[in-house]
Amino acid sequence: MLLKWIKILLTLALSYLCLFYALQNIANVDAVFGVMSAVMGMDGHQYYPQTFAVNVTQPSLVWFAATLVIAAEFIAGLVLLFATWRLLGARNESVVFQAQKYWVLVGAGIALLVWFGFFQVIGGAFFQMWQTELGDASMRGAFIYLASIALITWFIYQPERE
């Protein structure tokens, strides 16, 4: 039962991670826009100044991307909060508890889409944000979050011994 409680609390912590970042981004929405404008506009790219595609300088597209990131963080956090509730309710039955981990996978999957898909793939590979100090710091932070989410989710999903 102790492992189940640890997994419930870790799921709650993952939820808080996503929700806190979403709320911090809303509290600092102008800074979010500025950072995303710099990344999507490919400002300060000295090493790879050319792109195979396009840089994005249209404010409406930057706002759309910022809204998408914040919304996905919120959705991941809310799904993980729901997963916490489901695990809590199923803690006395191992088969049901294991089945309810589905919601942990859904919430963590959305979170991984944020910090791997948006930051590493789109920001890092497409917009080459690693070329600037600000972009590199964002990529490093995103890696810490996605690695933590993946590792914790893997631990949570392991079946408990009876």
N, C-alpha and C. Protein backbone atom coordinates (compact mmCIF):
# COMPACT_ATOMS: atom_id res chain seq x y z
N MET A 1 0.82 -1.20 0.00
CA MET A 1 0.00 0.00 0.00
C MET A 1 0.86 1.27 0.00
N LEU A 2 2.04 1.19 0.62
CA LEU A 2 2.92 2.36 0.66
C LEU A 2 3.33 2.80 -0.74
N LEU A 3 3.67 1.84 -1.60
CA LEU A 3 4.03 2.20 -2.98
C LEU A 3 2.87 2.87 -3.71
N LYS A 4 1.67 2.42 -3.45
CA LYS A 4 0.51 3.06 -4.09
C LYS A 4 0.39 4.51 -3.65
N TRP A 5 0.59 4.78 -2.37
CA TRP A 5 0.53 6.16 -1.89
C TRP A 5 1.63 7.02 -2.51
N ILE A 6 2.82 6.44 -2.63
CA ILE A 6 3.92 7.18 -3.27
C ILE A 6 3.55 7.52 -4.71
N LYS A 7 2.98 6.56 -5.42
CA LYS A 7 2.60 6.78 -6.82
C LYS A 7 1.47 7.79 -6.95
N ILE A 8 0.55 7.78 -6.02
CA ILE A 8 -0.53 8.77 -6.02
C ILE A 8 0.06 10.17 -5.81
N LEU A 9 0.97 10.29 -4.85
CA LEU A 9 1.58 11.60 -4.58
C LEU A 9 2.48 12.06 -5.72
N LEU A 10 3.17 11.13 -6.37
CA LEU A 10 3.99 11.50 -7.53
C LEU A 10 3.12 11.97 -8.69
N THR A 11 1.98 11.34 -8.86
CA THR A 11 1.04 11.79 -9.91
C THR A 11 0.55 13.19 -9.59
N LEU A 12 0.24 13.45 -8.34
CA LEU A 12 -0.17 14.79 -7.92
C LEU A 12 0.95 15.79 -8.18
N ALA A 13 2.18 15.41 -7.88
CA ALA A 13 3.33 16.29 -8.12
C ALA A 13 3.48 16.60 -9.62
N LEU A 14 3.30 15.60 -10.46
CA LEU A 14 3.36 15.84 -11.91
C LEU A 14 2.26 16.82 -12.33
N SER A 15 1.09 16.66 -11.75
CA SER A 15 -0.01 17.58 -12.04
C SER A 15 0.38 19.00 -11.66
N TYR A 16 0.91 19.16 -10.47
CA TYR A 16 1.32 20.49 -10.01
C TYR A 16 2.41 21.07 -10.90
N LEU A 17 3.35 20.26 -11.35
CA LEU A 17 4.41 20.74 -12.24
C LEU A 17 3.78 21.41 -13.47
N CYS A 18 2.86 20.72 -14.10
CA CYS A 18 2.22 21.25 -15.31
C CYS A 18 1.38 22.48 -15.01
N LEU A 19 0.58 22.40 -13.95
CA LEU A 19 -0.30 23.52 -13.61
C LEU A 19 0.49 24.75 -13.18
N PHE A 20 1.55 24.55 -12.39
CA PHE A 20 2.36 25.69 -11.95
C PHE A 20 3.02 26.39 -13.13
N TYR A 21 3.54 25.61 -14.10
CA TYR A 21 4.15 26.24 -15.27
C TYR A 21 3.11 26.98 -16.10
N ALA A 22 1.94 26.41 -16.24
CA ALA A 22 0.87 27.11 -16.97
C ALA A 22 0.52 28.42 -16.28
N LEU A 23 0.36 28.38 -14.97
CA LEU A 23 0.01 29.59 -14.22
C LEU A 23 1.14 30.62 -14.24
N GLN A 24 2.39 30.17 -14.14
CA GLN A 24 3.53 31.10 -14.23
C GLN A 24 3.58 31.75 -15.62
N ASN A 25 3.27 30.96 -16.65
CA ASN A 25 3.26 31.53 -18.00
C ASN A 25 2.16 32.56 -18.16
N ILE A 26 1.02 32.33 -17.54
CA ILE A 26 -0.06 33.32 -17.60
C ILE A 26 0.34 34.58 -16.82
N ALA A 27 0.96 34.40 -15.67
CA ALA A 27 1.39 35.55 -14.86
C ALA A 27 2.45 36.38 -15.58
N ASN A 28 3.18 35.75 -16.49
CA ASN A 28 4.27 36.41 -17.22
C ASN A 28 4.01 36.36 -18.72
N VAL A 29 2.78 36.55 -19.12
CA VAL A 29 2.40 36.32 -20.52
C VAL A 29 3.14 37.23 -21.49
N ASP A 30 3.46 38.45 -21.10
CA ASP A 30 4.21 39.33 -22.00
C ASP A 30 5.63 38.81 -22.21
N ALA A 31 6.23 38.29 -21.15
CA ALA A 31 7.56 37.70 -21.28
C ALA A 31 7.51 36.44 -22.14
N VAL A 32 6.46 35.65 -21.98
CA VAL A 32 6.27 34.45 -22.81
C VAL A 32 6.23 34.86 -24.28
N PHE A 33 5.45 35.89 -24.57
CA PHE A 33 5.36 36.37 -25.96
C PHE A 33 6.73 36.82 -26.47
N GLY A 34 7.47 37.54 -25.63
CA GLY A 34 8.79 38.01 -26.04
C GLY A 34 9.76 36.88 -26.33
N VAL A 35 9.78 35.90 -25.45
CA VAL A 35 10.68 34.76 -25.63
C VAL A 35 10.27 33.97 -26.87
N MET A 36 8.99 33.71 -27.01
CA MET A 36 8.54 32.93 -28.17
C MET A 36 8.73 33.70 -29.47
N SER A 37 8.60 35.02 -29.42
CA SER A 37 8.86 35.84 -30.61
C SER A 37 10.32 35.73 -31.02
N ALA A 38 11.21 35.77 -30.03
CA ALA A 38 12.64 35.65 -30.33
C ALA A 38 12.97 34.28 -30.91
N VAL A 39 12.41 33.23 -30.31
CA VAL A 39 12.68 31.87 -30.79
C VAL A 39 12.09 31.66 -32.18
N MET A 40 10.82 31.99 -32.35
CA MET A 40 10.15 31.73 -33.62
C MET A 40 10.64 32.66 -34.73
N GLY A 41 11.13 33.85 -34.35
CA GLY A 41 11.71 34.77 -35.32
C GLY A 41 13.16 34.46 -35.64
N MET A 42 13.71 33.50 -34.90
CA MET A 42 15.09 33.04 -35.07
C MET A 42 16.09 34.18 -34.90
N ASP A 43 15.83 35.03 -33.90
CA ASP A 43 16.72 36.15 -33.60
C ASP A 43 18.05 35.65 -33.06
N GLY A 44 19.14 36.26 -33.49
CA GLY A 44 20.46 35.97 -32.94
C GLY A 44 21.06 34.65 -33.37
N HIS A 45 20.65 34.12 -34.49
CA HIS A 45 21.18 32.84 -34.94
C HIS A 45 22.47 33.07 -35.74
N GLN A 46 23.59 32.85 -35.07
CA GLN A 46 24.89 33.06 -35.69
C GLN A 46 25.44 31.79 -36.33
N TYR A 47 25.18 30.65 -35.70
CA TYR A 47 25.78 29.40 -36.16
C TYR A 47 25.09 28.85 -37.40
N TYR A 48 23.79 28.81 -37.38
CA TYR A 48 22.97 28.33 -38.49
C TYR A 48 22.01 29.46 -38.86
N PRO A 49 22.47 30.46 -39.60
CA PRO A 49 21.62 31.62 -39.86
C PRO A 49 20.50 31.35 -40.87
N GLN A 50 20.59 30.28 -41.64
CA GLN A 50 19.57 29.95 -42.64
C GLN A 50 18.65 28.86 -42.10
N THR A 51 17.47 28.77 -42.66
CA THR A 51 16.54 27.71 -42.30
C THR A 51 15.99 27.08 -43.57
N PHE A 52 15.63 25.82 -43.49
CA PHE A 52 15.03 25.15 -44.65
C PHE A 52 13.58 25.58 -44.83
N ALA A 53 13.01 26.20 -43.82
CA ALA A 53 11.59 26.54 -43.86
C ALA A 53 11.42 28.05 -43.71
N VAL A 54 10.73 28.47 -42.67
CA VAL A 54 10.47 29.90 -42.45
C VAL A 54 10.64 30.24 -40.97
N ASN A 55 11.02 31.48 -40.72
CA ASN A 55 10.92 31.98 -39.36
C ASN A 55 9.55 32.66 -39.24
N VAL A 56 9.07 32.78 -38.02
CA VAL A 56 7.73 33.31 -37.80
C VAL A 56 7.84 34.62 -37.04
N THR A 57 7.37 35.69 -37.67
CA THR A 57 7.40 37.00 -37.03
C THR A 57 6.00 37.60 -36.88
N GLN A 58 5.01 36.94 -37.41
CA GLN A 58 3.62 37.41 -37.32
C GLN A 58 3.14 37.29 -35.87
N PRO A 59 2.81 38.39 -35.21
CA PRO A 59 2.39 38.33 -33.80
C PRO A 59 1.23 37.38 -33.53
N SER A 60 0.27 37.32 -34.44
CA SER A 60 -0.88 36.43 -34.20
C SER A 60 -0.45 34.96 -34.16
N LEU A 61 0.53 34.58 -34.96
CA LEU A 61 1.02 33.20 -34.93
C LEU A 61 1.81 32.92 -33.66
N VAL A 62 2.55 33.92 -33.19
CA VAL A 62 3.30 33.75 -31.94
C VAL A 62 2.32 33.61 -30.78
N TRP A 63 1.27 34.45 -30.75
CA TRP A 63 0.25 34.35 -29.70
C TRP A 63 -0.45 33.00 -29.76
N PHE A 64 -0.72 32.51 -30.97
CA PHE A 64 -1.35 31.20 -31.12
C PHE A 64 -0.46 30.11 -30.52
N ALA A 65 0.84 30.16 -30.83
CA ALA A 65 1.78 29.16 -30.30
C ALA A 65 1.86 29.25 -28.78
N ALA A 66 1.93 30.47 -28.25
CA ALA A 66 2.00 30.64 -26.80
C ALA A 66 0.74 30.10 -26.13
N THR A 67 -0.40 30.39 -26.72
CA THR A 67 -1.67 29.89 -26.18
C THR A 67 -1.72 28.37 -26.23
N LEU A 68 -1.22 27.80 -27.31
CA LEU A 68 -1.20 26.34 -27.44
C LEU A 68 -0.33 25.69 -26.36
N VAL A 69 0.84 26.25 -26.11
CA VAL A 69 1.73 25.72 -25.08
C VAL A 69 1.06 25.80 -23.70
N ILE A 70 0.54 26.97 -23.36
CA ILE A 70 -0.08 27.15 -22.05
C ILE A 70 -1.31 26.26 -21.90
N ALA A 71 -2.12 26.17 -22.94
CA ALA A 71 -3.31 25.30 -22.89
C ALA A 71 -2.91 23.84 -22.70
N ALA A 72 -1.88 23.41 -23.41
CA ALA A 72 -1.44 22.01 -23.27
C ALA A 72 -0.88 21.74 -21.88
N GLU A 73 -0.16 22.71 -21.30
CA GLU A 73 0.31 22.55 -19.93
C GLU A 73 -0.87 22.40 -18.97
N PHE A 74 -1.88 23.25 -19.15
CA PHE A 74 -3.09 23.17 -18.31
C PHE A 74 -3.80 21.83 -18.48
N ILE A 75 -3.98 21.42 -19.71
CA ILE A 75 -4.68 20.15 -19.96
C ILE A 75 -3.92 18.99 -19.34
N ALA A 76 -2.60 18.96 -19.53
CA ALA A 76 -1.79 17.89 -18.92
C ALA A 76 -1.96 17.90 -17.41
N GLY A 77 -1.89 19.08 -16.81
CA GLY A 77 -2.03 19.19 -15.36
C GLY A 77 -3.40 18.74 -14.87
N LEU A 78 -4.43 19.11 -15.60
CA LEU A 78 -5.78 18.71 -15.20
C LEU A 78 -6.01 17.21 -15.37
N VAL A 79 -5.49 16.64 -16.45
CA VAL A 79 -5.62 15.19 -16.64
C VAL A 79 -4.86 14.45 -15.54
N LEU A 80 -3.69 14.95 -15.19
CA LEU A 80 -2.92 14.31 -14.11
C LEU A 80 -3.61 14.49 -12.75
N LEU A 81 -4.27 15.61 -12.55
CA LEU A 81 -5.06 15.79 -11.32
C LEU A 81 -6.21 14.79 -11.29
N PHE A 82 -6.86 14.60 -12.42
CA PHE A 82 -7.92 13.59 -12.55
C PHE A 82 -7.35 12.19 -12.29
N ALA A 83 -6.15 11.93 -12.83
CA ALA A 83 -5.49 10.64 -12.62
C ALA A 83 -5.22 10.41 -11.13
N THR A 84 -4.81 11.46 -10.44
CA THR A 84 -4.57 11.36 -9.00
C THR A 84 -5.85 10.93 -8.29
N TRP A 85 -6.95 11.56 -8.64
CA TRP A 85 -8.24 11.24 -8.04
C TRP A 85 -8.63 9.79 -8.33
N ARG A 86 -8.42 9.36 -9.57
CA ARG A 86 -8.77 7.98 -9.95
C ARG A 86 -7.91 6.97 -9.21
N LEU A 87 -6.61 7.25 -9.09
CA LEU A 87 -5.72 6.35 -8.36
C LEU A 87 -6.10 6.29 -6.88
N LEU A 88 -6.42 7.43 -6.33
CA LEU A 88 -6.82 7.49 -4.93
C LEU A 88 -8.05 6.61 -4.68
N GLY A 89 -9.01 6.69 -5.57
CA GLY A 89 -10.22 5.89 -5.43
C GLY A 89 -10.02 4.41 -5.66
N ALA A 90 -8.97 4.05 -6.38
CA ALA A 90 -8.73 2.64 -6.73
C ALA A 90 -7.62 2.00 -5.89
N ARG A 91 -7.13 2.68 -4.89
CA ARG A 91 -5.95 2.23 -4.17
C ARG A 91 -6.12 0.88 -3.45
N ASN A 92 -7.33 0.46 -3.18
CA ASN A 92 -7.55 -0.79 -2.44
C ASN A 92 -7.64 -2.03 -3.33
N GLU A 93 -7.77 -1.84 -4.63
CA GLU A 93 -7.87 -2.97 -5.56
C GLU A 93 -6.77 -2.87 -6.60
N SER A 94 -5.82 -3.80 -6.56
CA SER A 94 -4.63 -3.72 -7.41
C SER A 94 -4.94 -3.71 -8.90
N VAL A 95 -5.87 -4.54 -9.34
CA VAL A 95 -6.20 -4.60 -10.77
C VAL A 95 -6.81 -3.27 -11.22
N VAL A 96 -7.69 -2.73 -10.42
CA VAL A 96 -8.33 -1.45 -10.75
C VAL A 96 -7.30 -0.32 -10.67
N PHE A 97 -6.43 -0.36 -9.67
CA PHE A 97 -5.38 0.65 -9.52
C PHE A 97 -4.49 0.67 -10.77
N GLN A 98 -4.08 -0.51 -11.22
CA GLN A 98 -3.24 -0.60 -12.42
C GLN A 98 -3.99 -0.05 -13.63
N ALA A 99 -5.25 -0.37 -13.76
CA ALA A 99 -6.04 0.11 -14.90
C ALA A 99 -6.19 1.63 -14.89
N GLN A 100 -6.30 2.22 -13.71
CA GLN A 100 -6.46 3.67 -13.61
C GLN A 100 -5.18 4.43 -13.96
N LYS A 101 -4.07 3.73 -14.02
CA LYS A 101 -2.81 4.36 -14.43
C LYS A 101 -2.86 4.83 -15.89
N TYR A 102 -3.86 4.35 -16.61
CA TYR A 102 -4.09 4.82 -17.98
C TYR A 102 -4.12 6.35 -18.01
N TRP A 103 -4.79 6.96 -17.03
CA TRP A 103 -4.92 8.42 -17.00
C TRP A 103 -3.59 9.10 -16.70
N VAL A 104 -2.73 8.43 -15.96
CA VAL A 104 -1.37 8.96 -15.75
C VAL A 104 -0.64 9.00 -17.09
N LEU A 105 -0.78 7.93 -17.86
CA LEU A 105 -0.13 7.88 -19.18
C LEU A 105 -0.67 8.96 -20.11
N VAL A 106 -1.96 9.20 -20.08
CA VAL A 106 -2.55 10.24 -20.93
C VAL A 106 -2.01 11.61 -20.52
N GLY A 107 -2.07 11.93 -19.25
CA GLY A 107 -1.59 13.23 -18.78
C GLY A 107 -0.11 13.42 -19.01
N ALA A 108 0.67 12.40 -18.69
CA ALA A 108 2.12 12.48 -18.91
C ALA A 108 2.43 12.56 -20.40
N GLY A 109 1.66 11.86 -21.21
CA GLY A 109 1.86 11.93 -22.66
C GLY A 109 1.64 13.34 -23.19
N ILE A 110 0.62 14.02 -22.70
CA ILE A 110 0.38 15.41 -23.10
C ILE A 110 1.53 16.29 -22.63
N ALA A 111 1.99 16.08 -21.40
CA ALA A 111 3.12 16.85 -20.88
C ALA A 111 4.38 16.60 -21.71
N LEU A 112 4.60 15.37 -22.12
CA LEU A 112 5.76 15.06 -22.97
C LEU A 112 5.63 15.73 -24.34
N LEU A 113 4.42 15.82 -24.85
CA LEU A 113 4.23 16.56 -26.10
C LEU A 113 4.61 18.02 -25.94
N VAL A 114 4.34 18.59 -24.77
CA VAL A 114 4.72 19.99 -24.52
C VAL A 114 6.24 20.12 -24.51
N TRP A 115 6.89 19.42 -23.57
CA TRP A 115 8.32 19.67 -23.34
C TRP A 115 9.24 18.93 -24.29
N PHE A 116 8.79 17.86 -24.92
CA PHE A 116 9.58 17.23 -25.97
C PHE A 116 9.13 17.75 -27.33
N GLY A 117 7.85 17.61 -27.62
CA GLY A 117 7.35 17.99 -28.94
C GLY A 117 7.49 19.48 -29.24
N PHE A 118 6.99 20.32 -28.34
CA PHE A 118 7.03 21.76 -28.60
C PHE A 118 8.44 22.34 -28.42
N PHE A 119 9.10 22.00 -27.31
CA PHE A 119 10.38 22.62 -27.00
C PHE A 119 11.55 21.98 -27.73
N GLN A 120 11.68 20.66 -27.66
CA GLN A 120 12.84 20.00 -28.25
C GLN A 120 12.71 19.88 -29.78
N VAL A 121 11.54 19.44 -30.24
CA VAL A 121 11.38 19.20 -31.68
C VAL A 121 11.13 20.51 -32.43
N ILE A 122 10.08 21.22 -32.06
CA ILE A 122 9.74 22.44 -32.80
C ILE A 122 10.71 23.57 -32.46
N GLY A 123 10.88 23.85 -31.16
CA GLY A 123 11.79 24.94 -30.77
C GLY A 123 13.24 24.63 -31.08
N GLY A 124 13.68 23.43 -30.70
CA GLY A 124 15.09 23.08 -30.86
C GLY A 124 15.49 22.71 -32.27
N ALA A 125 14.78 21.77 -32.87
CA ALA A 125 15.17 21.29 -34.19
C ALA A 125 14.69 22.22 -35.31
N PHE A 126 13.43 22.64 -35.23
CA PHE A 126 12.88 23.48 -36.31
C PHE A 126 13.38 24.92 -36.22
N PHE A 127 13.19 25.55 -35.06
CA PHE A 127 13.59 26.95 -34.91
C PHE A 127 15.02 27.13 -34.42
N GLN A 128 15.74 26.03 -34.18
CA GLN A 128 17.15 26.08 -33.80
C GLN A 128 17.40 27.00 -32.60
N MET A 129 16.56 26.89 -31.58
CA MET A 129 16.66 27.82 -30.45
C MET A 129 17.89 27.60 -29.59
N TRP A 130 18.59 26.50 -29.79
CA TRP A 130 19.81 26.21 -29.04
C TRP A 130 20.90 27.23 -29.34
N GLN A 131 20.75 28.02 -30.39
CA GLN A 131 21.80 28.96 -30.80
C GLN A 131 21.90 30.20 -29.92
N THR A 132 20.90 30.45 -29.11
CA THR A 132 20.94 31.63 -28.25
C THR A 132 20.96 31.18 -26.78
N GLU A 133 21.46 32.04 -25.94
CA GLU A 133 21.52 31.73 -24.50
C GLU A 133 20.13 31.47 -23.93
N LEU A 134 19.19 32.30 -24.30
CA LEU A 134 17.82 32.15 -23.82
C LEU A 134 17.19 30.85 -24.33
N GLY A 135 17.36 30.58 -25.61
CA GLY A 135 16.81 29.36 -26.19
C GLY A 135 17.45 28.11 -25.63
N ASP A 136 18.77 28.16 -25.43
CA ASP A 136 19.48 27.01 -24.88
C ASP A 136 19.02 26.73 -23.45
N ALA A 137 18.83 27.77 -22.67
CA ALA A 137 18.34 27.59 -21.30
C ALA A 137 16.93 26.99 -21.31
N SER A 138 16.10 27.42 -22.23
CA SER A 138 14.75 26.86 -22.34
C SER A 138 14.79 25.39 -22.72
N MET A 139 15.68 25.05 -23.65
CA MET A 139 15.79 23.64 -24.06
C MET A 139 16.30 22.77 -22.91
N ARG A 140 17.27 23.28 -22.17
CA ARG A 140 17.80 22.50 -21.04
C ARG A 140 16.72 22.29 -19.98
N GLY A 141 15.98 23.34 -19.68
CA GLY A 141 14.89 23.21 -18.72
C GLY A 141 13.85 22.22 -19.20
N ALA A 142 13.49 22.32 -20.47
CA ALA A 142 12.49 21.40 -21.03
C ALA A 142 12.97 19.95 -20.93
N PHE A 143 14.28 19.74 -21.14
CA PHE A 143 14.79 18.37 -21.04
C PHE A 143 14.67 17.85 -19.61
N ILE A 144 14.96 18.69 -18.64
CA ILE A 144 14.83 18.28 -17.24
C ILE A 144 13.39 17.87 -16.96
N TYR A 145 12.43 18.66 -17.44
CA TYR A 145 11.01 18.35 -17.18
C TYR A 145 10.60 17.07 -17.89
N LEU A 146 10.96 16.94 -19.17
CA LEU A 146 10.52 15.75 -19.89
C LEU A 146 11.18 14.49 -19.36
N ALA A 147 12.44 14.57 -18.97
CA ALA A 147 13.11 13.40 -18.40
C ALA A 147 12.48 13.02 -17.06
N SER A 148 12.19 14.00 -16.24
CA SER A 148 11.54 13.73 -14.96
C SER A 148 10.16 13.12 -15.16
N ILE A 149 9.40 13.69 -16.07
CA ILE A 149 8.06 13.17 -16.35
C ILE A 149 8.13 11.74 -16.85
N ALA A 150 9.03 11.47 -17.78
CA ALA A 150 9.15 10.11 -18.34
C ALA A 150 9.58 9.11 -17.28
N LEU A 151 10.56 9.46 -16.49
CA LEU A 151 11.06 8.54 -15.46
C LEU A 151 10.01 8.29 -14.38
N ILE A 152 9.38 9.33 -13.92
CA ILE A 152 8.35 9.17 -12.87
C ILE A 152 7.17 8.37 -13.41
N THR A 153 6.78 8.63 -14.65
CA THR A 153 5.66 7.89 -15.24
C THR A 153 6.01 6.41 -15.38
N TRP A 154 7.23 6.12 -15.78
CA TRP A 154 7.68 4.73 -15.88
C TRP A 154 7.57 4.05 -14.51
N PHE A 155 8.03 4.73 -13.47
CA PHE A 155 7.96 4.19 -12.11
C PHE A 155 6.50 3.96 -11.70
N ILE A 156 5.66 4.94 -11.94
CA ILE A 156 4.25 4.83 -11.55
C ILE A 156 3.59 3.65 -12.27
N TYR A 157 3.91 3.44 -13.53
CA TYR A 157 3.22 2.42 -14.31
C TYR A 157 3.62 0.99 -13.93
N GLN A 158 4.75 0.83 -13.24
CA GLN A 158 5.15 -0.52 -12.83
C GLN A 158 4.12 -1.09 -11.85
N PRO A 159 3.74 -2.37 -12.04
CA PRO A 159 2.79 -2.97 -11.10
C PRO A 159 3.40 -3.11 -9.70
N GLU A 160 2.56 -3.01 -8.69
CA GLU A 160 3.02 -3.18 -7.32
C GLU A 160 2.92 -4.67 -6.98
N ARG A 161 3.81 -5.13 -6.14
CA ARG A 161 3.71 -6.51 -5.66
C ARG A 161 2.60 -6.60 -4.63
N GLU A 162 1.91 -7.70 -4.66
CA GLU A 162 0.81 -7.92 -3.70
C GLU A 162 1.36 -8.14 -2.31
